[in-house]
Each structure stands twice: as C-alpha cells, then as structure tokens.
Amino acid sequence: MRIDDVFMEEVGLNEMPDGERQAFMDHAEEELEVRVGHAVSQELSAEQLRDFEEIEEGGQAAAWLKINVPNFREIVQTIVQSFKNELIAERTRILE
C-alpha cells in the first residue's frame, strides 16, 4: 500500500507543503498497514495468525494471504476507500 502523489491528489491534499507532505504520506501508509492488519487478523484463527507471522518473516506473505484470506483485495480496497473518505472529510483541518 503506497501513498503517492496520485493518492494525495485524490484526497485533495496535493497542496500540502513539501516539508509536511512526505511525513504525512509515511504516516498514512503506516496507518493503512495497521488498519489492514487489524481487519485481516479478524479473519484468521489464532493458529493462522501464528503461521502468518512466521511466513511474513520469510517473505511469502502475499501467497499465504491469497490462500488463507481470499477476500484480501476486497478488504484492502474497502479500507483504502474508507481512509480516503476520512481524509477528504478532514481535508481543510489537515491543511491548516
């Protein structure tokens, strides 16, 4: 999940000063990772969570998720869209 210039434009934050922009983008990526991780963890059993932690360290997470969380893409799309909607609603406050 990359926050890029296109994302920033979609949520109306492309006017953010350069000095704040990258820090905001980094924070937004971290927030999305946390939200997706939380949503995915709700789909998994305790055993699957342990398996995923082991697999994640080995770099096979994408293949494992495809098998064990078949609706992973939909989860991500829903969370990203929700996050975008939040940012759009708070755009003015964020840019202050």
N, C-alpha and C. Protein backbone atom coordinates (compact mmCIF):
# COMPACT_ATOMS: atom_id res chain seq x y z
N MET A 1 0.83 -1.17 0.00
CA MET A 1 0.00 0.00 0.00
C MET A 1 0.88 1.24 0.00
N ARG A 2 0.95 1.84 -1.13
CA ARG A 2 1.79 3.02 -1.27
C ARG A 2 0.92 4.27 -1.34
N ILE A 3 1.29 5.24 -0.56
CA ILE A 3 0.67 6.55 -0.65
C ILE A 3 1.57 7.37 -1.57
N ASP A 4 1.00 7.82 -2.68
CA ASP A 4 1.80 8.54 -3.66
C ASP A 4 1.11 9.85 -4.04
N ASP A 5 1.65 10.52 -5.03
CA ASP A 5 1.10 11.80 -5.46
C ASP A 5 -0.34 11.65 -5.97
N VAL A 6 -0.63 10.55 -6.64
CA VAL A 6 -1.99 10.32 -7.15
C VAL A 6 -2.96 10.22 -5.97
N PHE A 7 -2.60 9.45 -4.95
CA PHE A 7 -3.43 9.32 -3.76
C PHE A 7 -3.67 10.70 -3.14
N MET A 8 -2.60 11.47 -2.98
CA MET A 8 -2.71 12.79 -2.36
C MET A 8 -3.63 13.70 -3.16
N GLU A 9 -3.56 13.60 -4.47
CA GLU A 9 -4.44 14.40 -5.31
C GLU A 9 -5.89 13.95 -5.17
N GLU A 10 -6.10 12.64 -5.11
CA GLU A 10 -7.46 12.09 -4.98
C GLU A 10 -8.15 12.56 -3.70
N VAL A 11 -7.39 12.74 -2.64
CA VAL A 11 -7.98 13.17 -1.37
C VAL A 11 -7.88 14.69 -1.16
N GLY A 12 -7.37 15.39 -2.15
CA GLY A 12 -7.32 16.84 -2.09
C GLY A 12 -6.22 17.39 -1.21
N LEU A 13 -5.16 16.62 -1.03
CA LEU A 13 -4.05 17.08 -0.19
C LEU A 13 -2.79 17.38 -0.99
N ASN A 14 -2.94 17.52 -2.29
CA ASN A 14 -1.78 17.80 -3.13
C ASN A 14 -1.22 19.20 -2.89
N GLU A 15 -1.96 20.05 -2.16
CA GLU A 15 -1.48 21.41 -1.84
C GLU A 15 -0.62 21.43 -0.58
N MET A 16 -0.47 20.29 0.07
CA MET A 16 0.29 20.24 1.32
C MET A 16 1.73 20.68 1.05
N PRO A 17 2.27 21.51 1.95
CA PRO A 17 3.66 21.95 1.77
C PRO A 17 4.62 20.75 1.72
N ASP A 18 5.64 20.87 0.87
CA ASP A 18 6.59 19.78 0.67
C ASP A 18 7.19 19.28 1.98
N GLY A 19 7.49 20.17 2.90
CA GLY A 19 8.09 19.78 4.16
C GLY A 19 7.21 18.85 5.00
N GLU A 20 5.91 18.98 4.85
CA GLU A 20 4.97 18.15 5.60
C GLU A 20 4.50 16.94 4.80
N ARG A 21 4.55 17.07 3.52
CA ARG A 21 3.97 16.08 2.61
C ARG A 21 4.52 14.67 2.82
N GLN A 22 5.83 14.51 2.80
CA GLN A 22 6.42 13.18 2.90
C GLN A 22 6.14 12.57 4.27
N ALA A 23 6.23 13.37 5.32
CA ALA A 23 5.93 12.85 6.66
C ALA A 23 4.48 12.40 6.73
N PHE A 24 3.57 13.17 6.14
CA PHE A 24 2.16 12.79 6.12
C PHE A 24 1.96 11.49 5.34
N MET A 25 2.61 11.39 4.18
CA MET A 25 2.47 10.20 3.35
C MET A 25 3.00 8.97 4.08
N ASP A 26 4.12 9.09 4.76
CA ASP A 26 4.67 7.98 5.52
C ASP A 26 3.72 7.55 6.63
N HIS A 27 3.17 8.53 7.34
CA HIS A 27 2.23 8.23 8.42
C HIS A 27 0.97 7.57 7.87
N ALA A 28 0.48 8.06 6.75
CA ALA A 28 -0.72 7.50 6.13
C ALA A 28 -0.50 6.04 5.73
N GLU A 29 0.66 5.72 5.19
CA GLU A 29 0.99 4.33 4.84
C GLU A 29 0.97 3.44 6.07
N GLU A 30 1.59 3.93 7.14
CA GLU A 30 1.62 3.16 8.38
C GLU A 30 0.20 2.93 8.91
N GLU A 31 -0.61 3.96 8.85
CA GLU A 31 -1.99 3.85 9.32
C GLU A 31 -2.77 2.81 8.50
N LEU A 32 -2.60 2.84 7.19
CA LEU A 32 -3.28 1.85 6.35
C LEU A 32 -2.81 0.44 6.66
N GLU A 33 -1.52 0.26 6.88
CA GLU A 33 -1.00 -1.06 7.22
C GLU A 33 -1.61 -1.57 8.52
N VAL A 34 -1.74 -0.69 9.50
CA VAL A 34 -2.34 -1.08 10.78
C VAL A 34 -3.80 -1.47 10.57
N ARG A 35 -4.53 -0.65 9.83
CA ARG A 35 -5.95 -0.93 9.61
C ARG A 35 -6.17 -2.23 8.84
N VAL A 36 -5.37 -2.44 7.81
CA VAL A 36 -5.49 -3.69 7.04
C VAL A 36 -5.09 -4.87 7.91
N GLY A 37 -4.02 -4.74 8.65
CA GLY A 37 -3.58 -5.82 9.54
C GLY A 37 -4.65 -6.18 10.54
N HIS A 38 -5.30 -5.19 11.10
CA HIS A 38 -6.37 -5.44 12.07
C HIS A 38 -7.53 -6.17 11.40
N ALA A 39 -7.94 -5.69 10.24
CA ALA A 39 -9.06 -6.32 9.53
C ALA A 39 -8.74 -7.76 9.15
N VAL A 40 -7.54 -7.99 8.66
CA VAL A 40 -7.15 -9.35 8.26
C VAL A 40 -7.08 -10.26 9.48
N SER A 41 -6.56 -9.74 10.58
CA SER A 41 -6.45 -10.57 11.78
C SER A 41 -7.83 -11.03 12.28
N GLN A 42 -8.86 -10.25 11.99
CA GLN A 42 -10.21 -10.63 12.37
C GLN A 42 -10.71 -11.83 11.56
N GLU A 43 -10.09 -12.06 10.42
CA GLU A 43 -10.48 -13.15 9.53
C GLU A 43 -9.76 -14.46 9.86
N LEU A 44 -8.74 -14.40 10.72
CA LEU A 44 -7.87 -15.55 10.95
C LEU A 44 -8.03 -16.14 12.35
N SER A 45 -7.77 -17.42 12.44
CA SER A 45 -7.73 -18.09 13.74
C SER A 45 -6.39 -17.78 14.41
N ALA A 46 -6.28 -18.10 15.68
CA ALA A 46 -5.02 -17.88 16.40
C ALA A 46 -3.88 -18.66 15.74
N GLU A 47 -4.17 -19.86 15.30
CA GLU A 47 -3.14 -20.68 14.63
C GLU A 47 -2.71 -20.03 13.32
N GLN A 48 -3.67 -19.54 12.56
CA GLN A 48 -3.34 -18.88 11.30
C GLN A 48 -2.51 -17.62 11.55
N LEU A 49 -2.84 -16.88 12.61
CA LEU A 49 -2.06 -15.69 12.93
C LEU A 49 -0.61 -16.04 13.21
N ARG A 50 -0.40 -17.12 13.96
CA ARG A 50 0.98 -17.56 14.24
C ARG A 50 1.68 -17.97 12.95
N ASP A 51 0.97 -18.72 12.12
CA ASP A 51 1.55 -19.13 10.83
C ASP A 51 1.92 -17.91 9.99
N PHE A 52 1.03 -16.93 9.96
CA PHE A 52 1.28 -15.75 9.15
C PHE A 52 2.51 -14.99 9.64
N GLU A 53 2.65 -14.87 10.94
CA GLU A 53 3.83 -14.17 11.49
C GLU A 53 5.11 -14.85 11.05
N GLU A 54 5.12 -16.17 11.03
CA GLU A 54 6.31 -16.91 10.59
C GLU A 54 6.54 -16.72 9.10
N ILE A 55 5.48 -16.80 8.33
CA ILE A 55 5.58 -16.67 6.88
C ILE A 55 5.99 -15.26 6.49
N GLU A 56 5.45 -14.27 7.18
CA GLU A 56 5.75 -12.87 6.87
C GLU A 56 7.25 -12.60 6.95
N GLU A 57 7.90 -13.19 7.94
CA GLU A 57 9.34 -13.02 8.09
C GLU A 57 10.10 -13.64 6.93
N GLY A 58 9.53 -14.66 6.31
CA GLY A 58 10.18 -15.32 5.20
C GLY A 58 9.86 -14.72 3.84
N GLY A 59 8.99 -13.71 3.82
CA GLY A 59 8.68 -13.04 2.57
C GLY A 59 7.63 -13.71 1.70
N GLN A 60 6.89 -14.66 2.25
CA GLN A 60 5.87 -15.37 1.48
C GLN A 60 4.45 -14.93 1.82
N ALA A 61 4.33 -13.74 2.40
CA ALA A 61 3.04 -13.27 2.91
C ALA A 61 1.97 -13.16 1.82
N ALA A 62 2.31 -12.64 0.66
CA ALA A 62 1.31 -12.43 -0.39
C ALA A 62 0.67 -13.74 -0.82
N ALA A 63 1.48 -14.75 -1.04
CA ALA A 63 0.95 -16.06 -1.46
C ALA A 63 0.09 -16.67 -0.35
N TRP A 64 0.55 -16.55 0.89
CA TRP A 64 -0.18 -17.10 2.02
C TRP A 64 -1.54 -16.40 2.17
N LEU A 65 -1.55 -15.09 2.05
CA LEU A 65 -2.80 -14.34 2.16
C LEU A 65 -3.78 -14.71 1.06
N LYS A 66 -3.28 -14.94 -0.13
CA LYS A 66 -4.14 -15.31 -1.25
C LYS A 66 -4.90 -16.60 -0.95
N ILE A 67 -4.25 -17.51 -0.27
CA ILE A 67 -4.87 -18.79 0.07
C ILE A 67 -5.76 -18.68 1.31
N ASN A 68 -5.27 -18.02 2.35
CA ASN A 68 -5.94 -18.02 3.64
C ASN A 68 -6.92 -16.87 3.85
N VAL A 69 -6.79 -15.83 3.07
CA VAL A 69 -7.72 -14.70 3.14
C VAL A 69 -8.11 -14.35 1.70
N PRO A 70 -8.97 -15.17 1.10
CA PRO A 70 -9.27 -14.99 -0.31
C PRO A 70 -9.89 -13.63 -0.65
N ASN A 71 -10.48 -12.96 0.32
CA ASN A 71 -11.06 -11.64 0.07
C ASN A 71 -10.11 -10.51 0.48
N PHE A 72 -8.82 -10.81 0.53
CA PHE A 72 -7.82 -9.82 0.95
C PHE A 72 -7.89 -8.54 0.12
N ARG A 73 -7.97 -8.68 -1.18
CA ARG A 73 -8.01 -7.49 -2.05
C ARG A 73 -9.23 -6.62 -1.74
N GLU A 74 -10.36 -7.27 -1.52
CA GLU A 74 -11.58 -6.53 -1.20
C GLU A 74 -11.44 -5.81 0.14
N ILE A 75 -10.82 -6.49 1.11
CA ILE A 75 -10.59 -5.87 2.42
C ILE A 75 -9.74 -4.62 2.24
N VAL A 76 -8.66 -4.74 1.49
CA VAL A 76 -7.76 -3.60 1.27
C VAL A 76 -8.50 -2.48 0.55
N GLN A 77 -9.24 -2.79 -0.49
CA GLN A 77 -9.95 -1.77 -1.24
C GLN A 77 -10.96 -1.03 -0.35
N THR A 78 -11.67 -1.76 0.48
CA THR A 78 -12.65 -1.15 1.37
C THR A 78 -11.97 -0.22 2.37
N ILE A 79 -10.87 -0.68 2.95
CA ILE A 79 -10.17 0.13 3.94
C ILE A 79 -9.55 1.37 3.29
N VAL A 80 -8.95 1.22 2.13
CA VAL A 80 -8.35 2.37 1.45
C VAL A 80 -9.43 3.39 1.11
N GLN A 81 -10.56 2.94 0.61
CA GLN A 81 -11.63 3.87 0.26
C GLN A 81 -12.17 4.58 1.49
N SER A 82 -12.34 3.85 2.57
CA SER A 82 -12.79 4.45 3.82
C SER A 82 -11.79 5.50 4.32
N PHE A 83 -10.52 5.17 4.24
CA PHE A 83 -9.46 6.10 4.66
C PHE A 83 -9.47 7.35 3.79
N LYS A 84 -9.63 7.16 2.48
CA LYS A 84 -9.70 8.31 1.58
C LYS A 84 -10.88 9.21 1.96
N ASN A 85 -12.03 8.60 2.24
CA ASN A 85 -13.21 9.38 2.61
C ASN A 85 -12.95 10.18 3.89
N GLU A 86 -12.27 9.58 4.85
CA GLU A 86 -11.92 10.29 6.09
C GLU A 86 -11.03 11.49 5.79
N LEU A 87 -10.03 11.27 4.95
CA LEU A 87 -9.10 12.37 4.62
C LEU A 87 -9.80 13.49 3.87
N ILE A 88 -10.69 13.12 2.97
CA ILE A 88 -11.44 14.13 2.21
C ILE A 88 -12.29 14.95 3.17
N ALA A 89 -12.94 14.28 4.12
CA ALA A 89 -13.79 14.98 5.09
C ALA A 89 -12.97 15.90 6.00
N GLU A 90 -11.74 15.55 6.25
CA GLU A 90 -10.89 16.33 7.16
C GLU A 90 -9.86 17.19 6.43
N ARG A 91 -9.99 17.28 5.13
CA ARG A 91 -9.01 17.97 4.30
C ARG A 91 -8.67 19.36 4.80
N THR A 92 -9.68 20.15 5.07
CA THR A 92 -9.45 21.54 5.49
C THR A 92 -8.66 21.58 6.80
N ARG A 93 -9.04 20.76 7.75
CA ARG A 93 -8.34 20.72 9.04
C ARG A 93 -6.90 20.26 8.87
N ILE A 94 -6.70 19.26 8.02
CA ILE A 94 -5.35 18.72 7.80
C ILE A 94 -4.44 19.79 7.18
N LEU A 95 -4.97 20.57 6.29
CA LEU A 95 -4.16 21.58 5.59
C LEU A 95 -3.92 22.86 6.40
N GLU A 96 -4.57 22.98 7.54
CA GLU A 96 -4.37 24.19 8.38
C GLU A 96 -2.98 24.24 8.95
